[in-house]
Amino acid sequence: MTAPNEMRLLPWTGPEGRPCFLSTDDRGGYMSRLADHIEAVQLGTAAELLEEAAEALDDQDVDLTDLRCLGHALTGSLRDVLRVAASRGHLLTVREPHRI
């Protein structure tokens, strides 16, 4: 079984927004593959929202309500991307020795 410091931060939260972790040695297991898939979807959504934001900022006639909705979507997406980055960053430090 995986050591506690090697647990994977999952790309979703549990009740009350608490982080969820996966403890397994099987990187090809069902939950690991599900987490990988959800991370890929989250990163894809972030890329799409970034493109949409760039277009909206270039549009002089963009509606304020649309910008607010886009801002909320970007905020949620950024939260997801930061969780993915934290999870992957932790996995890198655990799996690869620190190089100087």
PDB file of N, CA and C in Angstrom:
ATOM      1  N   MET A   1       0.848  -1.183   0.000  1.00  0.00           N
ATOM      2  CA  MET A   1       0.000   0.000   0.000  1.00  0.00           C
ATOM      3  C   MET A   1       0.889   1.240   0.000  1.00  0.00           C
ATOM      4  N   THR A   2       0.381   2.324  -0.497  1.00  0.00           N
ATOM      5  CA  THR A   2       1.125   3.578  -0.608  1.00  0.00           C
ATOM      6  C   THR A   2       1.369   4.196   0.758  1.00  0.00           C
ATOM      7  N   ALA A   3       2.561   4.758   0.942  1.00  0.00           N
ATOM      8  CA  ALA A   3       2.874   5.464   2.186  1.00  0.00           C
ATOM      9  C   ALA A   3       2.016   6.727   2.264  1.00  0.00           C
ATOM     10  N   PRO A   4       1.694   7.192   3.475  1.00  0.00           N
ATOM     11  CA  PRO A   4       0.822   8.358   3.630  1.00  0.00           C
ATOM     12  C   PRO A   4       1.308   9.602   2.888  1.00  0.00           C
ATOM     13  N   ASN A   5       2.632   9.800   2.797  1.00  0.00           N
ATOM     14  CA  ASN A   5       3.130  10.987   2.115  1.00  0.00           C
ATOM     15  C   ASN A   5       3.073  10.844   0.595  1.00  0.00           C
ATOM     16  N   GLU A   6       2.632   9.684   0.089  1.00  0.00           N
ATOM     17  CA  GLU A   6       2.532   9.447  -1.340  1.00  0.00           C
ATOM     18  C   GLU A   6       1.083   9.386  -1.806  1.00  0.00           C
ATOM     19  N   MET A   7       0.154   9.751  -0.969  1.00  0.00           N
ATOM     20  CA  MET A   7      -1.240   9.705  -1.371  1.00  0.00           C
ATOM     21  C   MET A   7      -1.504  10.765  -2.438  1.00  0.00           C
ATOM     22  N   ARG A   8      -2.357  10.419  -3.383  1.00  0.00           N
ATOM     23  CA  ARG A   8      -2.662  11.301  -4.498  1.00  0.00           C
ATOM     24  C   ARG A   8      -3.853  12.185  -4.144  1.00  0.00           C
ATOM     25  N   LEU A   9      -3.678  13.490  -4.342  1.00  0.00           N
ATOM     26  CA  LEU A   9      -4.786  14.430  -4.202  1.00  0.00           C
ATOM     27  C   LEU A   9      -5.677  14.264  -5.420  1.00  0.00           C
ATOM     28  N   LEU A  10      -6.928  13.922  -5.198  1.00  0.00           N
ATOM     29  CA  LEU A  10      -7.851  13.696  -6.305  1.00  0.00           C
ATOM     30  C   LEU A  10      -8.406  15.018  -6.838  1.00  0.00           C
ATOM     31  N   PRO A  11      -8.838  15.032  -8.100  1.00  0.00           N
ATOM     32  CA  PRO A  11      -9.286  16.281  -8.719  1.00  0.00           C
ATOM     33  C   PRO A  11     -10.727  16.665  -8.373  1.00  0.00           C
ATOM     34  N   TRP A  12     -11.234  16.162  -7.287  1.00  0.00           N
ATOM     35  CA  TRP A  12     -12.561  16.545  -6.815  1.00  0.00           C
ATOM     36  C   TRP A  12     -12.516  16.651  -5.306  1.00  0.00           C
ATOM     37  N   THR A  13     -13.519  17.277  -4.752  1.00  0.00           N
ATOM     38  CA  THR A  13     -13.577  17.421  -3.298  1.00  0.00           C
ATOM     39  C   THR A  13     -14.710  16.563  -2.743  1.00  0.00           C
ATOM     40  N   GLY A  14     -14.633  16.329  -1.468  1.00  0.00           N
ATOM     41  CA  GLY A  14     -15.658  15.566  -0.783  1.00  0.00           C
ATOM     42  C   GLY A  14     -16.665  16.494  -0.134  1.00  0.00           C
ATOM     43  N   PRO A  15     -17.403  15.969   0.824  1.00  0.00           N
ATOM     44  CA  PRO A  15     -18.385  16.785   1.532  1.00  0.00           C
ATOM     45  C   PRO A  15     -17.743  18.038   2.133  1.00  0.00           C
ATOM     46  N   GLU A  16     -18.455  19.112   2.061  1.00  0.00           N
ATOM     47  CA  GLU A  16     -18.013  20.396   2.626  1.00  0.00           C
ATOM     48  C   GLU A  16     -16.719  20.903   1.987  1.00  0.00           C
ATOM     49  N   GLY A  17     -16.434  20.473   0.756  1.00  0.00           N
ATOM     50  CA  GLY A  17     -15.261  20.966   0.044  1.00  0.00           C
ATOM     51  C   GLY A  17     -13.933  20.419   0.528  1.00  0.00           C
ATOM     52  N   ARG A  18     -13.971  19.381   1.305  1.00  0.00           N
ATOM     53  CA  ARG A  18     -12.726  18.802   1.828  1.00  0.00           C
ATOM     54  C   ARG A  18     -12.013  18.011   0.740  1.00  0.00           C
ATOM     55  N   PRO A  19     -10.665  18.034   0.751  1.00  0.00           N
ATOM     56  CA  PRO A  19      -9.914  17.307  -0.273  1.00  0.00           C
ATOM     57  C   PRO A  19     -10.093  15.795  -0.133  1.00  0.00           C
ATOM     58  N   CYS A  20      -9.999  15.113  -1.265  1.00  0.00           N
ATOM     59  CA  CYS A  20     -10.059  13.651  -1.301  1.00  0.00           C
ATOM     60  C   CYS A  20      -8.697  13.133  -1.750  1.00  0.00           C
ATOM     61  N   PHE A  21      -8.293  12.027  -1.165  1.00  0.00           N
ATOM     62  CA  PHE A  21      -6.997  11.437  -1.478  1.00  0.00           C
ATOM     63  C   PHE A  21      -7.181   9.979  -1.853  1.00  0.00           C
ATOM     64  N   LEU A  22      -6.240   9.490  -2.686  1.00  0.00           N
ATOM     65  CA  LEU A  22      -6.239   8.095  -3.103  1.00  0.00           C
ATOM     66  C   LEU A  22      -4.939   7.457  -2.637  1.00  0.00           C
ATOM     67  N   SER A  23      -5.074   6.331  -1.979  1.00  0.00           N
ATOM     68  CA  SER A  23      -3.909   5.587  -1.512  1.00  0.00           C
ATOM     69  C   SER A  23      -3.891   4.248  -2.238  1.00  0.00           C
ATOM     70  N   THR A  24      -2.993   4.135  -3.218  1.00  0.00           N
ATOM     71  CA  THR A  24      -2.868   2.884  -3.958  1.00  0.00           C
ATOM     72  C   THR A  24      -1.507   2.812  -4.632  1.00  0.00           C
ATOM     73  N   ASP A  25      -1.044   1.619  -4.843  1.00  0.00           N
ATOM     74  CA  ASP A  25       0.189   1.402  -5.594  1.00  0.00           C
ATOM     75  C   ASP A  25      -0.110   1.182  -7.077  1.00  0.00           C
ATOM     76  N   ASP A  26      -1.375   1.007  -7.416  1.00  0.00           N
ATOM     77  CA  ASP A  26      -1.783   0.677  -8.783  1.00  0.00           C
ATOM     78  C   ASP A  26      -2.140   1.944  -9.556  1.00  0.00           C
ATOM     79  N   ARG A  27      -1.158   2.498 -10.279  1.00  0.00           N
ATOM     80  CA  ARG A  27      -1.403   3.722 -11.055  1.00  0.00           C
ATOM     81  C   ARG A  27      -2.340   3.466 -12.227  1.00  0.00           C
ATOM     82  N   GLY A  28      -2.555   2.203 -12.582  1.00  0.00           N
ATOM     83  CA  GLY A  28      -3.457   1.865 -13.681  1.00  0.00           C
ATOM     84  C   GLY A  28      -4.813   1.394 -13.199  1.00  0.00           C
ATOM     85  N   GLY A  29      -5.056   1.493 -11.893  1.00  0.00           N
ATOM     86  CA  GLY A  29      -6.334   1.064 -11.332  1.00  0.00           C
ATOM     87  C   GLY A  29      -7.480   1.977 -11.737  1.00  0.00           C
ATOM     88  N   TYR A  30      -8.681   1.515 -11.474  1.00  0.00           N
ATOM     89  CA  TYR A  30      -9.885   2.244 -11.879  1.00  0.00           C
ATOM     90  C   TYR A  30      -9.894   3.680 -11.343  1.00  0.00           C
ATOM     91  N   MET A  31      -9.657   3.876 -10.065  1.00  0.00           N
ATOM     92  CA  MET A  31      -9.733   5.219  -9.480  1.00  0.00           C
ATOM     93  C   MET A  31      -8.617   6.120 -10.012  1.00  0.00           C
ATOM     94  N   SER A  32      -7.437   5.569 -10.226  1.00  0.00           N
ATOM     95  CA  SER A  32      -6.344   6.356 -10.791  1.00  0.00           C
ATOM     96  C   SER A  32      -6.683   6.795 -12.212  1.00  0.00           C
ATOM     97  N   ARG A  33      -7.225   5.871 -13.008  1.00  0.00           N
ATOM     98  CA  ARG A  33      -7.612   6.221 -14.384  1.00  0.00           C
ATOM     99  C   ARG A  33      -8.748   7.232 -14.394  1.00  0.00           C
ATOM    100  N   LEU A  34      -9.703   7.085 -13.483  1.00  0.00           N
ATOM    101  CA  LEU A  34     -10.807   8.042 -13.388  1.00  0.00           C
ATOM    102  C   LEU A  34     -10.275   9.429 -13.036  1.00  0.00           C
ATOM    103  N   ALA A  35      -9.368   9.494 -12.080  1.00  0.00           N
ATOM    104  CA  ALA A  35      -8.779  10.779 -11.693  1.00  0.00           C
ATOM    105  C   ALA A  35      -8.000  11.385 -12.857  1.00  0.00           C
ATOM    106  N   ASP A  36      -7.246  10.564 -13.587  1.00  0.00           N
ATOM    107  CA  ASP A  36      -6.510  11.062 -14.756  1.00  0.00           C
ATOM    108  C   ASP A  36      -7.469  11.637 -15.792  1.00  0.00           C
ATOM    109  N   HIS A  37      -8.570  10.941 -16.033  1.00  0.00           N
ATOM    110  CA  HIS A  37      -9.561  11.398 -17.013  1.00  0.00           C
ATOM    111  C   HIS A  37     -10.191  12.727 -16.578  1.00  0.00           C
ATOM    112  N   ILE A  38     -10.567  12.812 -15.322  1.00  0.00           N
ATOM    113  CA  ILE A  38     -11.192  14.046 -14.832  1.00  0.00           C
ATOM    114  C   ILE A  38     -10.200  15.199 -14.886  1.00  0.00           C
ATOM    115  N   GLU A  39      -8.949  14.957 -14.551  1.00  0.00           N
ATOM    116  CA  GLU A  39      -7.928  16.002 -14.655  1.00  0.00           C
ATOM    117  C   GLU A  39      -7.805  16.482 -16.097  1.00  0.00           C
ATOM    118  N   ALA A  40      -7.816  15.557 -17.053  1.00  0.00           N
ATOM    119  CA  ALA A  40      -7.715  15.924 -18.470  1.00  0.00           C
ATOM    120  C   ALA A  40      -8.908  16.780 -18.891  1.00  0.00           C
ATOM    121  N   VAL A  41     -10.088  16.418 -18.438  1.00  0.00           N
ATOM    122  CA  VAL A  41     -11.288  17.207 -18.746  1.00  0.00           C
ATOM    123  C   VAL A  41     -11.177  18.604 -18.130  1.00  0.00           C
ATOM    124  N   GLN A  42     -10.735  18.672 -16.879  1.00  0.00           N
ATOM    125  CA  GLN A  42     -10.595  19.965 -16.212  1.00  0.00           C
ATOM    126  C   GLN A  42      -9.584  20.862 -16.931  1.00  0.00           C
ATOM    127  N   LEU A  43      -8.459  20.296 -17.350  1.00  0.00           N
ATOM    128  CA  LEU A  43      -7.448  21.082 -18.054  1.00  0.00           C
ATOM    129  C   LEU A  43      -7.958  21.516 -19.431  1.00  0.00           C
ATOM    130  N   GLY A  44      -8.707  20.656 -20.095  1.00  0.00           N
ATOM    131  CA  GLY A  44      -9.310  21.021 -21.380  1.00  0.00           C
ATOM    132  C   GLY A  44     -10.319  22.142 -21.232  1.00  0.00           C
ATOM    133  N   THR A  45     -11.135  22.073 -20.198  1.00  0.00           N
ATOM    134  CA  THR A  45     -12.108  23.124 -19.928  1.00  0.00           C
ATOM    135  C   THR A  45     -11.405  24.445 -19.656  1.00  0.00           C
ATOM    136  N   ALA A  46     -10.313  24.403 -18.906  1.00  0.00           N
ATOM    137  CA  ALA A  46      -9.554  25.617 -18.605  1.00  0.00           C
ATOM    138  C   ALA A  46      -9.020  26.246 -19.891  1.00  0.00           C
ATOM    139  N   ALA A  47      -8.519  25.435 -20.800  1.00  0.00           N
ATOM    140  CA  ALA A  47      -8.001  25.946 -22.067  1.00  0.00           C
ATOM    141  C   ALA A  47      -9.115  26.605 -22.880  1.00  0.00           C
ATOM    142  N   GLU A  48     -10.282  25.981 -22.902  1.00  0.00           N
ATOM    143  CA  GLU A  48     -11.423  26.557 -23.629  1.00  0.00           C
ATOM    144  C   GLU A  48     -11.865  27.874 -23.004  1.00  0.00           C
ATOM    145  N   LEU A  49     -11.921  27.925 -21.687  1.00  0.00           N
ATOM    146  CA  LEU A  49     -12.324  29.152 -21.005  1.00  0.00           C
ATOM    147  C   LEU A  49     -11.306  30.270 -21.224  1.00  0.00           C
ATOM    148  N   LEU A  50     -10.044  29.934 -21.250  1.00  0.00           N
ATOM    149  CA  LEU A  50      -9.004  30.926 -21.499  1.00  0.00           C
ATOM    150  C   LEU A  50      -9.178  31.542 -22.887  1.00  0.00           C
ATOM    151  N   GLU A  51      -9.458  30.707 -23.863  1.00  0.00           N
ATOM    152  CA  GLU A  51      -9.700  31.203 -25.221  1.00  0.00           C
ATOM    153  C   GLU A  51     -10.946  32.089 -25.263  1.00  0.00           C
ATOM    154  N   GLU A  52     -11.999  31.657 -24.588  1.00  0.00           N
ATOM    155  CA  GLU A  52     -13.236  32.441 -24.526  1.00  0.00           C
ATOM    156  C   GLU A  52     -12.995  33.781 -23.834  1.00  0.00           C
ATOM    157  N   ALA A  53     -12.199  33.782 -22.784  1.00  0.00           N
ATOM    158  CA  ALA A  53     -11.905  35.026 -22.066  1.00  0.00           C
ATOM    159  C   ALA A  53     -11.130  35.991 -22.945  1.00  0.00           C
ATOM    160  N   ALA A  54     -10.160  35.480 -23.697  1.00  0.00           N
ATOM    161  CA  ALA A  54      -9.379  36.344 -24.593  1.00  0.00           C
ATOM    162  C   ALA A  54     -10.284  36.996 -25.627  1.00  0.00           C
ATOM    163  N   GLU A  55     -11.210  36.217 -26.170  1.00  0.00           N
ATOM    164  CA  GLU A  55     -12.150  36.769 -27.146  1.00  0.00           C
ATOM    165  C   GLU A  55     -13.077  37.805 -26.507  1.00  0.00           C
ATOM    166  N   ALA A  56     -13.564  37.520 -25.314  1.00  0.00           N
ATOM    167  CA  ALA A  56     -14.474  38.440 -24.633  1.00  0.00           C
ATOM    168  C   ALA A  56     -13.771  39.756 -24.304  1.00  0.00           C
ATOM    169  N   LEU A  57     -12.525  39.689 -23.903  1.00  0.00           N
ATOM    170  CA  LEU A  57     -11.793  40.905 -23.556  1.00  0.00           C
ATOM    171  C   LEU A  57     -11.499  41.767 -24.785  1.00  0.00           C
ATOM    172  N   ASP A  58     -11.437  41.153 -25.955  1.00  0.00           N
ATOM    173  CA  ASP A  58     -11.223  41.899 -27.190  1.00  0.00           C
ATOM    174  C   ASP A  58     -12.512  42.491 -27.743  1.00  0.00           C
ATOM    175  N   ASP A  59     -13.656  42.019 -27.243  1.00  0.00           N
ATOM    176  CA  ASP A  59     -14.970  42.468 -27.734  1.00  0.00           C
ATOM    177  C   ASP A  59     -15.414  43.716 -26.968  1.00  0.00           C
ATOM    178  N   GLN A  60     -15.454  44.844 -27.658  1.00  0.00           N
ATOM    179  CA  GLN A  60     -15.850  46.108 -27.025  1.00  0.00           C
ATOM    180  C   GLN A  60     -17.313  46.104 -26.586  1.00  0.00           C
ATOM    181  N   ASP A  61     -18.128  45.248 -27.202  1.00  0.00           N
ATOM    182  CA  ASP A  61     -19.572  45.239 -26.927  1.00  0.00           C
ATOM    183  C   ASP A  61     -20.006  44.101 -26.017  1.00  0.00           C
ATOM    184  N   VAL A  62     -19.059  43.458 -25.355  1.00  0.00           N
ATOM    185  CA  VAL A  62     -19.407  42.328 -24.500  1.00  0.00           C
ATOM    186  C   VAL A  62     -20.295  42.802 -23.351  1.00  0.00           C
ATOM    187  N   ASP A  63     -21.273  41.978 -23.039  1.00  0.00           N
ATOM    188  CA  ASP A  63     -22.236  42.281 -21.986  1.00  0.00           C
ATOM    189  C   ASP A  63     -21.601  42.035 -20.612  1.00  0.00           C
ATOM    190  N   LEU A  64     -21.858  42.940 -19.675  1.00  0.00           N
ATOM    191  CA  LEU A  64     -21.302  42.815 -18.327  1.00  0.00           C
ATOM    192  C   LEU A  64     -21.739  41.516 -17.650  1.00  0.00           C
ATOM    193  N   THR A  65     -22.979  41.110 -17.859  1.00  0.00           N
ATOM    194  CA  THR A  65     -23.471  39.862 -17.270  1.00  0.00           C
ATOM    195  C   THR A  65     -22.700  38.668 -17.822  1.00  0.00           C
ATOM    196  N   ASP A  66     -22.420  38.704 -19.125  1.00  0.00           N
ATOM    197  CA  ASP A  66     -21.636  37.621 -19.727  1.00  0.00           C
ATOM    198  C   ASP A  66     -20.224  37.577 -19.149  1.00  0.00           C
ATOM    199  N   LEU A  67     -19.623  38.753 -18.934  1.00  0.00           N
ATOM    200  CA  LEU A  67     -18.287  38.805 -18.338  1.00  0.00           C
ATOM    201  C   LEU A  67     -18.289  38.252 -16.915  1.00  0.00           C
ATOM    202  N   ARG A  68     -19.335  38.575 -16.174  1.00  0.00           N
ATOM    203  CA  ARG A  68     -19.424  38.060 -14.799  1.00  0.00           C
ATOM    204  C   ARG A  68     -19.549  36.545 -14.798  1.00  0.00           C
ATOM    205  N   CYS A  69     -20.369  36.013 -15.686  1.00  0.00           N
ATOM    206  CA  CYS A  69     -20.515  34.546 -15.783  1.00  0.00           C
ATOM    207  C   CYS A  69     -19.191  33.899 -16.173  1.00  0.00           C
ATOM    208  N   LEU A  70     -18.501  34.520 -17.124  1.00  0.00           N
ATOM    209  CA  LEU A  70     -17.199  34.020 -17.535  1.00  0.00           C
ATOM    210  C   LEU A  70     -16.206  34.078 -16.374  1.00  0.00           C
ATOM    211  N   GLY A  71     -16.247  35.152 -15.605  1.00  0.00           N
ATOM    212  CA  GLY A  71     -15.366  35.276 -14.445  1.00  0.00           C
ATOM    213  C   GLY A  71     -15.612  34.183 -13.420  1.00  0.00           C
ATOM    214  N   HIS A  72     -16.881  33.853 -13.187  1.00  0.00           N
ATOM    215  CA  HIS A  72     -17.204  32.767 -12.248  1.00  0.00           C
ATOM    216  C   HIS A  72     -16.706  31.429 -12.782  1.00  0.00           C
ATOM    217  N   ALA A  73     -16.893  31.198 -14.088  1.00  0.00           N
ATOM    218  CA  ALA A  73     -16.430  29.949 -14.692  1.00  0.00           C
ATOM    219  C   ALA A  73     -14.903  29.854 -14.620  1.00  0.00           C
ATOM    220  N   LEU A  74     -14.232  30.975 -14.882  1.00  0.00           N
ATOM    221  CA  LEU A  74     -12.764  30.990 -14.808  1.00  0.00           C
ATOM    222  C   LEU A  74     -12.274  30.730 -13.385  1.00  0.00           C
ATOM    223  N   THR A  75     -12.966  31.282 -12.413  1.00  0.00           N
ATOM    224  CA  THR A  75     -12.584  31.078 -11.013  1.00  0.00           C
ATOM    225  C   THR A  75     -12.673  29.602 -10.636  1.00  0.00           C
ATOM    226  N   GLY A  76     -13.772  28.955 -11.007  1.00  0.00           N
ATOM    227  CA  GLY A  76     -13.921  27.530 -10.717  1.00  0.00           C
ATOM    228  C   GLY A  76     -12.883  26.694 -11.441  1.00  0.00           C
ATOM    229  N   SER A  77     -12.630  27.053 -12.694  1.00  0.00           N
ATOM    230  CA  SER A  77     -11.648  26.321 -13.478  1.00  0.00           C
ATOM    231  C   SER A  77     -10.237  26.494 -12.921  1.00  0.00           C
ATOM    232  N   LEU A  78      -9.915  27.709 -12.501  1.00  0.00           N
ATOM    233  CA  LEU A  78      -8.599  27.948 -11.902  1.00  0.00           C
ATOM    234  C   LEU A  78      -8.432  27.134 -10.623  1.00  0.00           C
ATOM    235  N   ARG A  79      -9.487  27.028  -9.849  1.00  0.00           N
ATOM    236  CA  ARG A  79      -9.446  26.211  -8.624  1.00  0.00           C
ATOM    237  C   ARG A  79      -9.123  24.755  -8.980  1.00  0.00           C
ATOM    238  N   ASP A  80      -9.785  24.238 -10.038  1.00  0.00           N
ATOM    239  CA  ASP A  80      -9.528  22.864 -10.480  1.00  0.00           C
ATOM    240  C   ASP A  80      -8.093  22.690 -10.957  1.00  0.00           C
ATOM    241  N   VAL A  81      -7.614  23.638 -11.760  1.00  0.00           N
ATOM    242  CA  VAL A  81      -6.262  23.549 -12.308  1.00  0.00           C
ATOM    243  C   VAL A  81      -5.216  23.614 -11.192  1.00  0.00           C
ATOM    244  N   LEU A  82      -5.455  24.452 -10.199  1.00  0.00           N
ATOM    245  CA  LEU A  82      -4.517  24.521  -9.069  1.00  0.00           C
ATOM    246  C   LEU A  82      -4.491  23.210  -8.298  1.00  0.00           C
ATOM    247  N   ARG A  83      -5.642  22.550  -8.180  1.00  0.00           N
ATOM    248  CA  ARG A  83      -5.685  21.254  -7.499  1.00  0.00           C
ATOM    249  C   ARG A  83      -4.898  20.219  -8.305  1.00  0.00           C
ATOM    250  N   VAL A  84      -5.057  20.239  -9.634  1.00  0.00           N
ATOM    251  CA  VAL A  84      -4.299  19.320 -10.489  1.00  0.00           C
ATOM    252  C   VAL A  84      -2.803  19.598 -10.347  1.00  0.00           C
ATOM    253  N   ALA A  85      -2.431  20.866 -10.378  1.00  0.00           N
ATOM    254  CA  ALA A  85      -1.012  21.233 -10.259  1.00  0.00           C
ATOM    255  C   ALA A  85      -0.447  20.798  -8.910  1.00  0.00           C
ATOM    256  N   ALA A  86      -1.207  20.993  -7.853  1.00  0.00           N
ATOM    257  CA  ALA A  86      -0.747  20.578  -6.524  1.00  0.00           C
ATOM    258  C   ALA A  86      -0.574  19.066  -6.465  1.00  0.00           C
ATOM    259  N   SER A  87      -1.520  18.342  -7.025  1.00  0.00           N
ATOM    260  CA  SER A  87      -1.452  16.889  -7.020  1.00  0.00           C
ATOM    261  C   SER A  87      -0.262  16.400  -7.823  1.00  0.00           C
ATOM    262  N   ARG A  88      -0.100  16.915  -9.022  1.00  0.00           N
ATOM    263  CA  ARG A  88       1.003  16.471  -9.878  1.00  0.00           C
ATOM    264  C   ARG A  88       2.347  16.923  -9.322  1.00  0.00           C
ATOM    265  N   GLY A  89       2.390  18.106  -8.755  1.00  0.00           N
ATOM    266  CA  GLY A  89       3.635  18.580  -8.151  1.00  0.00           C
ATOM    267  C   GLY A  89       4.049  17.708  -6.990  1.00  0.00           C
ATOM    268  N   HIS A  90       3.081  17.309  -6.170  1.00  0.00           N
ATOM    269  CA  HIS A  90       3.376  16.416  -5.051  1.00  0.00           C
ATOM    270  C   HIS A  90       3.875  15.072  -5.558  1.00  0.00           C
ATOM    271  N   LEU A  91       3.225  14.545  -6.592  1.00  0.00           N
ATOM    272  CA  LEU A  91       3.646  13.254  -7.134  1.00  0.00           C
ATOM    273  C   LEU A  91       5.056  13.330  -7.696  1.00  0.00           C
ATOM    274  N   LEU A  92       5.410  14.449  -8.308  1.00  0.00           N
ATOM    275  CA  LEU A  92       6.762  14.603  -8.843  1.00  0.00           C
ATOM    276  C   LEU A  92       7.799  14.598  -7.732  1.00  0.00           C
ATOM    277  N   THR A  93       7.522  15.283  -6.634  1.00  0.00           N
ATOM    278  CA  THR A  93       8.498  15.348  -5.548  1.00  0.00           C
ATOM    279  C   THR A  93       8.636  14.005  -4.844  1.00  0.00           C
ATOM    280  N   VAL A  94       7.571  13.211  -4.839  1.00  0.00           N
ATOM    281  CA  VAL A  94       7.630  11.910  -4.185  1.00  0.00           C
ATOM    282  C   VAL A  94       8.327  10.887  -5.072  1.00  0.00           C
ATOM    283  N   ARG A  95       8.099  10.933  -6.373  1.00  0.00           N
ATOM    284  CA  ARG A  95       8.623   9.906  -7.281  1.00  0.00           C
ATOM    285  C   ARG A  95      10.023  10.191  -7.780  1.00  0.00           C
ATOM    286  N   GLU A  96      10.402  11.461  -7.883  1.00  0.00           N
ATOM    287  CA  GLU A  96      11.708  11.799  -8.421  1.00  0.00           C
ATOM    288  C   GLU A  96      12.576  12.406  -7.314  1.00  0.00           C
ATOM    289  N   PRO A  97      13.792  11.923  -7.172  1.00  0.00           N
ATOM    290  CA  PRO A  97      14.676  12.515  -6.165  1.00  0.00           C
ATOM    291  C   PRO A  97      14.971  13.966  -6.526  1.00  0.00           C
ATOM    292  N   HIS A  98      15.142  14.772  -5.519  1.00  0.00           N
ATOM    293  CA  HIS A  98      15.432  16.205  -5.730  1.00  0.00           C
ATOM    294  C   HIS A  98      16.807  16.362  -6.353  1.00  0.00           C
ATOM    295  N   ARG A  99      16.832  17.074  -7.471  1.00  0.00           N
ATOM    296  CA  ARG A  99      18.105  17.292  -8.166  1.00  0.00           C
ATOM    297  C   ARG A  99      18.578  18.712  -7.917  1.00  0.00           C
ATOM    298  N   ILE A 100      19.883  18.844  -7.744  1.00  0.00           N
ATOM    299  CA  ILE A 100      20.475  20.171  -7.533  1.00  0.00           C
ATOM    300  C   ILE A 100      21.255  20.563  -8.752  1.00  0.00           C
TER     301      ILE A 100
END
